[in-house]
Amino acid sequence: MFKGLFVLLGFLSILVSQFVLAEDKYLEVPVGISPVMSSAAMFIAKERGYFQEEGLNVIINPFKASGAKMVPFLATGQLFVAGGNINAGMYNAIAQDIPIKIVSDKGTVSPGHGYLALIVRKDHVDSGRYRSFKDLKGMTLAVTAKGVSQQIVTEKYLKSVGLNLSDIKMVTLAYSDMNIALANKSIDATVQIEPFVAAAVQNEFAVRVAGDDEIYPNQQSAAIFYSPVFMNKYPKQAQGFMNAYVRGLRDYNDAFEKNKGKEDVIRILTKYTRIKDKKIYQAVVPVGLSPNGMVNVQSLKDDAKWYFEQGYLKALPDMDAIVDLDYARRATKALGVYR
């Protein structure tokens, strides 16, 4: 499937030569990313001029879906960088000799950072239809796609009370569409992402019943990916991009962990995401984002094993070949220890 797509899009690879240093000395860097809270560091780094300081003109291309959907564009160089969910589709694409790298954190469900959470329709809670995880049996739940980290954690909620995925009806929806489906009662529950969790609660059509950090702590749910075109053709700029991104990660942590500059970070989030109400960002559970850009490789291996056992992968991916944290390590060395 991907080979056919590459033939179709192959001619676009010549456009890579156009991403050159212009007269103003800025390299145009196309980035694909979802407009959600876990993308905060990217938005901060762009808004505060960190990318420009590295000689980069970052062009953000919003994706309603992420992860595997971005892979063909990373392969051809239409995207130099992407950020999204880590899933089976992405690993299957990489298995077809597409040397994309996972280079940094974009969302870890570390303790206290349940930015992904199980939410249930409020009318089910009010009526008593839902009282515990056991009551998910027979309900319709949404995931963004089959073979995604969200599906793994959904199963963990079910298995904690002796249920399985076969005990629910599963449908696929984008995160941005899940709240609509909850409000119009076409689904019963879902594992949702911030700021949509806080929005659902504030608008009183859903209740947050558990954070994913309670059921699967430290799951690496999302990451930053580099295109082989970016790494090979522009190695200096690829490092500069990471330096700027890690600064964004640290600013995010300052805001949501230390309450330092939070109002301005919330302003940035309302600019780049679909949730424009600043009050909602005061109510969110913060995303776990490493201030040094590190990812939980063991979590990646555990989730890949689940995809393989469920038949979503033909073979286990070689994480040592896929994950390259040297960019983040060099950025951390250049910026110093985060305190």
Foldseek 3Di string as FASTA:
>chain_A
DLVVVCVVCVVVLVCLVVQDQDPVQAGEAEEEEALAQLCLLVLQLQVVCLLVVLRYDYDYDHDLADQLVCQSCLQSVVHFKYKHFHWLSNLVSVVVVFQKAFAFASFWQAPLQLQWFKKFFLVCVVVVCDDALVSQFAFEEEDQDPGTVQQVLNQLSQVVPPGGPVRYHYDHDGLVCVLVCLQVVVGGMYGHGPPVQLVSVVVRGIDGDTGSCVRPHGQRTMTMMGRPCCCVVPVSSVLSVLLSSLVSLLVLCCCPVVVPCVVVSLVSSLVRHPDNDSVSVVVGRHGDGDSLRDGDLVSVQVSQVVCVVVPSDPDRDDNVSHYDHVSSVVSCVVVDDRD
